Amino acid sequence: MNATDSPAANDRTCLDTIQLDRLEQAFRSWLDSAKGSDVRFSRQRIFLIFLLIRYTGAKLNEVLKLNLSDDFDSQRHLIRFGSVDKDGRDSSREVRIPEAVSDTLATLLAEASSPSTLQHSLEIDPGFVRRKFYERTRAIGLPPQLGGPEMIRKARAVELLLDKMPLPAVQVLLGHSTPNLTSAYVSFSEEELQTVTRYHIERNFSRKTSACNAFFGKIQSIRRGDIQAIVEIATVSGSTVQSIITHASLEQLGLATGKLVRAEVKAPWVLLAKGMQEPACTAENRFSGTIERIRTGQINSEYRIRLDEGTELCAIGGSSSGNLLGLQAGDRVWAFFSCYAVILHVD
């Protein structure tokens, strides 16, 4: 997948999270039904390959080159891809996986009938791997082509983008060679992007969903007043978010310029204005974007807005107000909220 594509456009052409979970369960059942140690060992290898692609978004050839005795860190829940080439260039990257998946990998390796072979080599004919992926996908009533390794990689990227993981973090996870790690005047290290990734990976796996928007970024400036201070955050995606906080909270959280923070704003606090022109209002945080989808209820409606810099924002407002504005999917809007609505977290 091109990570600059809209996830809303892509999520209709690849498996969604529920379908991915069904496919994973199909692989588990297939493994559990194996009769004989040789058959079970063969299926363990295929299941391991599926889990690695499913949760790392790696390419099939990357996974088949893994040496799990060296490249799987069960304590830190990391998979290492790539290596140092003959010219000394380091092309490696570390990808975080959910703790529960890490435990599953460790268990599979420990119980394998031939653990040394399983740990040191996943080298299997790629065509054979694809056939087994297609078989399991067909078995749950889905088009087999959607269950191929490349499509599962794409589905993982879309899944994380829909979960609001910043685009640069997704690009790093996928192994793109030129992710943009600079936002405004602030640069983000790979270690800091790993922190962002860890939060989204665990939240996505545990399905902790709420009508709350999260922005990751570094504190760009702090302006102190008599009682409160304005904290300006340069986000990973390239936007700027302002929050107001008391001096006591500032000290308690240990906030300082350059510190990585998570800024959250609840969806009901996000207001919308239709049109291209920036609204004249007192809200410090204003972002232009496009409505991607609307879920309408009798009282409230939920709006999913794709901001121009790529972040997805959720807003919840009265259905009557949305009808008054004539809001529809595809409309250009401005989303805005006060700095008082932004809550800061230090992970």
Protein backbone atom coordinates (compact mmCIF):
# COMPACT_ATOMS: atom_id res chain seq x y z
CA MET A 1 0.00 0.00 0.00
CA ASN A 2 1.03 3.57 -0.61
CA ALA A 3 0.92 4.98 2.93
CA THR A 4 -0.14 8.35 1.58
CA ASP A 5 -3.39 6.90 0.27
CA SER A 6 -6.56 7.66 2.16
CA PRO A 7 -7.38 4.81 4.53
CA ALA A 8 -11.05 5.36 3.87
CA ALA A 9 -10.45 4.56 0.20
CA ASN A 10 -8.30 1.55 1.04
CA ASP A 11 -10.44 -0.03 3.76
CA ARG A 12 -12.99 -1.03 1.13
CA THR A 13 -10.40 -3.05 -0.83
CA CYS A 14 -8.79 -5.00 2.02
CA LEU A 15 -9.81 -6.94 5.11
CA ASP A 16 -11.05 -4.97 8.10
CA THR A 17 -10.14 -5.72 11.72
CA ILE A 18 -13.06 -8.10 12.28
CA GLN A 19 -12.21 -10.05 9.13
CA LEU A 20 -8.53 -10.18 10.09
CA ASP A 21 -9.52 -11.57 13.48
CA ARG A 22 -11.70 -14.21 11.80
CA LEU A 23 -8.81 -15.18 9.55
CA GLU A 24 -6.47 -15.44 12.52
CA GLN A 25 -8.95 -17.70 14.30
CA ALA A 26 -9.21 -19.83 11.16
CA PHE A 27 -5.44 -20.30 11.20
CA ARG A 28 -5.55 -21.24 14.90
CA SER A 29 -8.27 -23.83 14.31
CA TRP A 30 -6.36 -25.22 11.34
CA LEU A 31 -3.26 -25.59 13.51
CA ASP A 32 -5.18 -27.20 16.36
CA SER A 33 -6.72 -29.76 13.99
CA ALA A 34 -3.32 -31.01 12.79
CA LYS A 35 -2.77 -34.75 13.23
CA GLY A 36 0.80 -35.87 13.70
CA SER A 37 3.88 -33.92 14.74
CA ASP A 38 5.13 -33.35 11.19
CA VAL A 39 1.84 -31.83 10.04
CA ARG A 40 1.60 -29.68 13.16
CA PHE A 41 5.16 -28.43 12.69
CA SER A 42 4.43 -27.49 9.07
CA ARG A 43 1.29 -25.62 10.09
CA GLN A 44 3.08 -23.87 12.95
CA ARG A 45 5.48 -22.33 10.46
CA ILE A 46 2.62 -21.03 8.29
CA PHE A 47 0.77 -19.68 11.33
CA LEU A 48 3.93 -17.94 12.55
CA ILE A 49 4.34 -16.30 9.15
CA PHE A 50 0.72 -15.14 9.23
CA LEU A 51 1.06 -13.64 12.73
CA LEU A 52 4.27 -11.84 11.78
CA ILE A 53 2.74 -10.24 8.68
CA ARG A 54 -0.56 -9.57 10.45
CA TYR A 55 1.01 -7.64 13.32
CA THR A 56 4.17 -6.14 11.80
CA GLY A 57 2.92 -5.23 8.32
CA ALA A 58 6.16 -6.66 6.93
CA LYS A 59 6.62 -7.99 3.41
CA LEU A 60 6.55 -11.76 2.92
CA ASN A 61 10.19 -11.89 1.81
CA GLU A 62 11.21 -9.97 4.95
CA VAL A 63 9.44 -12.48 7.19
CA LEU A 64 10.89 -15.49 5.37
CA LYS A 65 14.40 -14.16 6.02
CA LEU A 66 13.91 -13.90 9.79
CA ASN A 67 16.04 -15.86 12.21
CA LEU A 68 13.67 -15.89 15.16
CA SER A 69 16.35 -16.95 17.64
CA ASP A 70 18.08 -13.61 16.94
CA ASP A 71 15.36 -11.40 15.48
CA PHE A 72 12.57 -11.93 18.02
CA ASP A 73 12.94 -10.13 21.35
CA SER A 74 10.27 -11.68 23.57
CA GLN A 75 11.11 -9.40 26.51
CA ARG A 76 10.71 -6.15 24.61
CA HIS A 77 8.06 -7.54 22.21
CA LEU A 78 10.03 -6.57 19.11
CA ILE A 79 10.76 -8.11 15.73
CA ARG A 80 13.95 -7.00 13.98
CA PHE A 81 13.95 -6.82 10.20
CA GLY A 82 16.84 -6.15 7.83
CA SER A 83 20.57 -6.18 8.36
CA VAL A 84 23.83 -4.38 7.65
CA ASP A 85 24.76 -4.73 3.97
CA LYS A 86 28.22 -5.36 2.55
CA ASP A 87 28.88 -1.61 2.34
CA GLY A 88 28.13 -1.15 6.04
CA ARG A 89 24.72 0.48 5.56
CA ASP A 90 22.26 -0.42 8.29
CA SER A 91 18.84 -1.16 6.79
CA SER A 92 17.41 -2.78 9.91
CA ARG A 93 14.31 -1.69 11.80
CA GLU A 94 12.52 -2.86 14.92
CA VAL A 95 8.75 -3.35 14.88
CA ARG A 96 6.71 -3.49 18.06
CA ILE A 97 4.06 -6.21 18.35
CA PRO A 98 1.31 -6.54 20.99
CA GLU A 99 2.43 -8.25 24.19
CA ALA A 100 -0.20 -10.97 23.81
CA VAL A 101 1.02 -11.76 20.29
CA SER A 102 4.61 -11.80 21.54
CA ASP A 103 3.58 -14.35 24.16
CA THR A 104 1.89 -16.46 21.47
CA LEU A 105 5.04 -16.45 19.34
CA ALA A 106 7.15 -17.46 22.33
CA THR A 107 4.74 -20.30 23.14
CA LEU A 108 4.75 -21.58 19.56
CA LEU A 109 8.53 -21.58 19.49
CA ALA A 110 8.76 -23.33 22.85
CA GLU A 111 6.30 -26.11 22.00
CA ALA A 112 7.51 -26.76 18.46
CA SER A 113 8.37 -30.38 17.77
CA SER A 114 11.59 -29.15 16.19
CA PRO A 115 12.23 -25.83 17.94
CA SER A 116 15.77 -25.29 16.64
CA THR A 117 14.60 -25.57 13.02
CA LEU A 118 11.59 -23.32 13.66
CA GLN A 119 13.68 -20.67 15.42
CA HIS A 120 16.42 -20.50 12.83
CA SER A 121 14.50 -20.65 9.60
CA LEU A 122 11.13 -19.69 8.17
CA GLU A 123 12.39 -20.23 4.65
CA ILE A 124 9.44 -21.69 2.79
CA ASP A 125 8.52 -21.41 -0.87
CA PRO A 126 6.58 -18.10 -1.15
CA GLY A 127 4.12 -19.69 -3.57
CA PHE A 128 3.30 -22.40 -1.03
CA VAL A 129 2.76 -19.76 1.68
CA ARG A 130 0.40 -17.80 -0.56
CA ARG A 131 -1.62 -20.94 -1.38
CA LYS A 132 -2.10 -21.69 2.32
CA PHE A 133 -3.13 -18.08 3.00
CA TYR A 134 -5.67 -18.25 0.15
CA GLU A 135 -7.03 -21.58 1.46
CA ARG A 136 -7.68 -20.20 4.95
CA THR A 137 -9.29 -17.05 3.55
CA ARG A 138 -11.56 -19.05 1.26
CA ALA A 139 -12.47 -21.30 4.20
CA ILE A 140 -14.13 -18.38 6.02
CA GLY A 141 -16.08 -17.31 2.94
CA LEU A 142 -13.96 -14.36 1.84
CA PRO A 143 -12.35 -13.73 -1.57
CA PRO A 144 -9.00 -15.56 -1.41
CA GLN A 145 -7.04 -12.71 -2.97
CA LEU A 146 -7.86 -10.52 0.05
CA GLY A 147 -5.98 -12.96 2.28
CA GLY A 148 -2.68 -12.90 0.41
CA PRO A 149 0.43 -11.72 2.30
CA GLU A 150 0.59 -8.43 0.41
CA MET A 151 -3.07 -7.66 1.12
CA ILE A 152 -2.69 -8.50 4.81
CA ARG A 153 0.25 -6.08 4.96
CA LYS A 154 -1.96 -3.44 3.34
CA ALA A 155 -4.82 -4.24 5.72
CA ARG A 156 -2.51 -3.76 8.72
CA ALA A 157 -1.45 -0.33 7.48
CA VAL A 158 -5.07 0.74 6.92
CA GLU A 159 -6.07 -0.65 10.33
CA LEU A 160 -3.45 1.46 12.11
CA LEU A 161 -4.21 4.59 10.10
CA LEU A 162 -7.90 4.22 10.93
CA ASP A 163 -6.84 3.88 14.57
CA LYS A 164 -5.24 7.33 14.15
CA MET A 165 -1.60 6.25 14.24
CA PRO A 166 0.36 9.17 12.69
CA LEU A 167 1.38 8.58 9.08
CA PRO A 168 5.16 8.86 9.72
CA ALA A 169 4.92 6.17 12.42
CA VAL A 170 3.07 3.86 10.01
CA GLN A 171 5.69 4.55 7.34
CA VAL A 172 8.50 3.59 9.72
CA LEU A 173 6.65 0.42 10.77
CA LEU A 174 6.22 -0.60 7.12
CA GLY A 175 9.88 0.04 6.38
CA HIS A 176 9.45 2.93 3.97
CA SER A 177 12.85 4.35 3.12
CA THR A 178 11.99 8.05 3.35
CA PRO A 179 9.46 8.71 6.13
CA ASN A 180 9.10 12.33 7.18
CA LEU A 181 10.39 12.45 10.76
CA THR A 182 10.32 16.24 11.00
CA SER A 183 7.31 18.30 12.00
CA ALA A 184 7.57 22.09 11.73
CA TYR A 185 10.76 22.93 13.66
CA VAL A 186 10.79 19.72 15.68
CA SER A 187 12.44 16.41 14.76
CA PHE A 188 11.35 13.02 16.06
CA SER A 189 13.80 10.21 16.69
CA GLU A 190 13.01 6.60 15.81
CA GLU A 191 12.90 5.84 19.54
CA GLU A 192 10.22 8.50 20.03
CA LEU A 193 8.22 7.11 17.12
CA GLN A 194 8.50 3.69 18.77
CA THR A 195 6.78 5.20 21.82
CA VAL A 196 3.96 6.45 19.60
CA THR A 197 3.76 3.07 17.88
CA ARG A 198 3.67 1.13 21.17
CA TYR A 199 0.66 3.13 22.38
CA HIS A 200 -1.31 2.53 19.17
CA ILE A 201 -0.32 -1.14 18.82
CA GLU A 202 -1.52 -2.05 22.32
CA ARG A 203 -4.66 0.10 22.07
CA ASN A 204 -5.56 -1.40 18.71
CA PHE A 205 -5.03 -4.97 19.93
CA SER A 206 -7.05 -4.52 23.11
CA ARG A 207 -9.82 -2.75 21.13
CA LYS A 208 -9.86 0.16 23.56
CA THR A 209 -11.96 2.54 21.54
CA SER A 210 -13.56 5.75 22.67
CA ALA A 211 -14.69 9.00 21.18
CA CYS A 212 -11.36 10.61 21.96
CA ASN A 213 -8.79 12.10 19.61
CA ALA A 214 -5.09 11.66 20.36
CA PHE A 215 -2.23 13.76 19.00
CA PHE A 216 1.37 12.74 19.66
CA GLY A 217 4.05 15.39 19.54
CA LYS A 218 6.85 17.29 21.16
CA ILE A 219 6.43 20.41 23.24
CA GLN A 220 7.56 23.27 21.04
CA SER A 221 7.04 26.09 23.52
CA ILE A 222 5.62 26.90 26.96
CA ARG A 223 4.25 30.36 27.71
CA ARG A 224 3.68 30.95 31.41
CA GLY A 225 1.00 33.26 32.76
CA ASP A 226 0.16 34.17 36.34
CA ILE A 227 -1.71 30.93 37.08
CA GLN A 228 -1.73 28.89 33.88
CA ALA A 229 0.54 28.22 30.94
CA ILE A 230 -0.07 27.65 27.24
CA VAL A 231 1.72 24.56 25.94
CA GLU A 232 2.24 24.35 22.18
CA ILE A 233 2.81 20.88 20.72
CA ALA A 234 4.25 20.13 17.28
CA THR A 235 2.65 16.82 16.30
CA VAL A 236 4.20 13.93 14.41
CA SER A 237 1.80 14.57 11.52
CA GLY A 238 2.91 18.17 11.12
CA SER A 239 0.19 20.18 12.82
CA THR A 240 0.27 22.30 15.98
CA VAL A 241 -1.97 21.79 19.01
CA GLN A 242 -2.29 24.18 21.95
CA SER A 243 -3.29 23.24 25.48
CA ILE A 244 -3.69 25.33 28.61
CA ILE A 245 -2.53 23.87 31.91
CA THR A 246 -1.97 25.05 35.47
CA HIS A 247 1.55 25.64 36.76
CA ALA A 248 1.00 22.88 39.32
CA SER A 249 0.14 20.36 36.60
CA LEU A 250 3.04 21.61 34.51
CA GLU A 251 5.45 20.76 37.32
CA GLN A 252 3.70 17.52 38.26
CA LEU A 253 3.97 16.16 34.72
CA GLY A 254 7.53 17.43 34.34
CA LEU A 255 6.71 19.21 31.10
CA ALA A 256 9.51 20.96 29.27
CA THR A 257 10.38 22.00 25.73
CA GLY A 258 11.24 18.96 23.62
CA LYS A 259 9.34 16.45 25.78
CA LEU A 260 7.17 13.87 24.01
CA VAL A 261 3.50 14.11 25.07
CA ARG A 262 0.07 12.88 24.04
CA ALA A 263 -2.65 15.50 23.67
CA GLU A 264 -6.23 14.25 23.84
CA VAL A 265 -9.50 15.99 23.06
CA LYS A 266 -12.89 14.34 23.40
CA ALA A 267 -15.03 14.17 20.28
CA PRO A 268 -17.98 16.18 21.73
CA TRP A 269 -15.60 19.11 22.24
CA VAL A 270 -14.73 19.25 18.52
CA LEU A 271 -16.94 21.70 16.60
CA LEU A 272 -17.40 21.83 12.83
CA ALA A 273 -17.87 24.66 10.35
CA LYS A 274 -18.74 23.88 6.74
CA GLY A 275 -16.76 25.38 3.88
CA MET A 276 -13.25 26.25 2.74
CA GLN A 277 -12.94 29.54 4.61
CA GLU A 278 -11.38 29.42 8.07
CA PRO A 279 -14.03 30.33 10.66
CA ALA A 280 -13.71 33.50 12.70
CA CYS A 281 -13.77 32.09 16.22
CA THR A 282 -11.87 32.14 19.50
CA ALA A 283 -10.83 28.46 19.37
CA GLU A 284 -7.03 28.22 19.32
CA ASN A 285 -6.95 24.88 17.49
CA ARG A 286 -8.36 25.00 13.95
CA PHE A 287 -7.85 22.36 11.24
CA SER A 288 -9.23 22.02 7.72
CA GLY A 289 -10.23 18.65 6.34
CA THR A 290 -12.82 16.53 4.59
CA ILE A 291 -15.68 14.53 6.08
CA GLU A 292 -15.02 10.87 5.23
CA ARG A 293 -18.05 9.29 6.86
CA ILE A 294 -21.02 10.13 9.06
CA ARG A 295 -22.89 7.88 11.47
CA THR A 296 -26.25 9.49 12.17
CA GLY A 297 -28.35 8.83 15.27
CA GLN A 298 -31.65 10.21 16.47
CA ILE A 299 -29.96 12.67 18.84
CA ASN A 300 -26.25 12.79 17.97
CA SER A 301 -24.14 12.16 14.90
CA GLU A 302 -20.52 11.06 14.67
CA TYR A 303 -18.32 12.66 12.02
CA ARG A 304 -14.98 11.25 10.86
CA ILE A 305 -12.85 13.99 9.34
CA ARG A 306 -9.59 13.44 7.47
CA LEU A 307 -7.45 16.50 8.13
CA ASP A 308 -5.31 17.90 5.33
CA GLU A 309 -2.14 16.66 7.06
CA GLY A 310 -3.50 13.11 7.20
CA THR A 311 -4.78 12.72 10.77
CA GLU A 312 -8.29 11.42 11.35
CA LEU A 313 -10.40 13.45 13.75
CA CYS A 314 -13.69 12.41 15.33
CA ALA A 315 -16.41 14.94 16.18
CA ILE A 316 -19.77 14.29 17.82
CA GLY A 317 -22.56 16.83 17.55
CA GLY A 318 -26.32 17.12 17.53
CA SER A 319 -27.96 15.54 14.49
CA SER A 320 -30.22 18.58 14.11
CA SER A 321 -27.17 20.87 13.90
CA GLY A 322 -25.61 18.65 11.25
CA ASN A 323 -28.83 18.70 9.27
CA LEU A 324 -28.96 22.49 9.57
CA LEU A 325 -25.49 22.73 8.04
CA GLY A 326 -26.31 20.07 5.47
CA LEU A 327 -23.18 18.09 6.30
CA GLN A 328 -22.42 15.16 4.01
CA ALA A 329 -19.51 12.82 3.38
CA GLY A 330 -17.06 14.55 1.06
CA ASP A 331 -17.78 18.06 2.37
CA ARG A 332 -14.89 20.36 3.19
CA VAL A 333 -15.05 21.52 6.81
CA TRP A 334 -13.07 23.18 9.55
CA ALA A 335 -12.75 21.32 12.85
CA PHE A 336 -11.90 23.45 15.86
CA PHE A 337 -11.64 23.22 19.63
CA SER A 338 -10.43 25.33 22.54
CA CYS A 339 -7.05 24.88 24.18
CA TYR A 340 -9.01 24.25 27.41
CA ALA A 341 -10.42 21.07 25.81
CA VAL A 342 -6.96 19.54 25.35
CA ILE A 343 -5.69 17.18 28.06
CA LEU A 344 -1.99 16.31 28.16
CA HIS A 345 -0.54 12.91 29.04
CA VAL A 346 3.05 11.79 29.54
CA ASP A 347 3.61 8.09 28.72
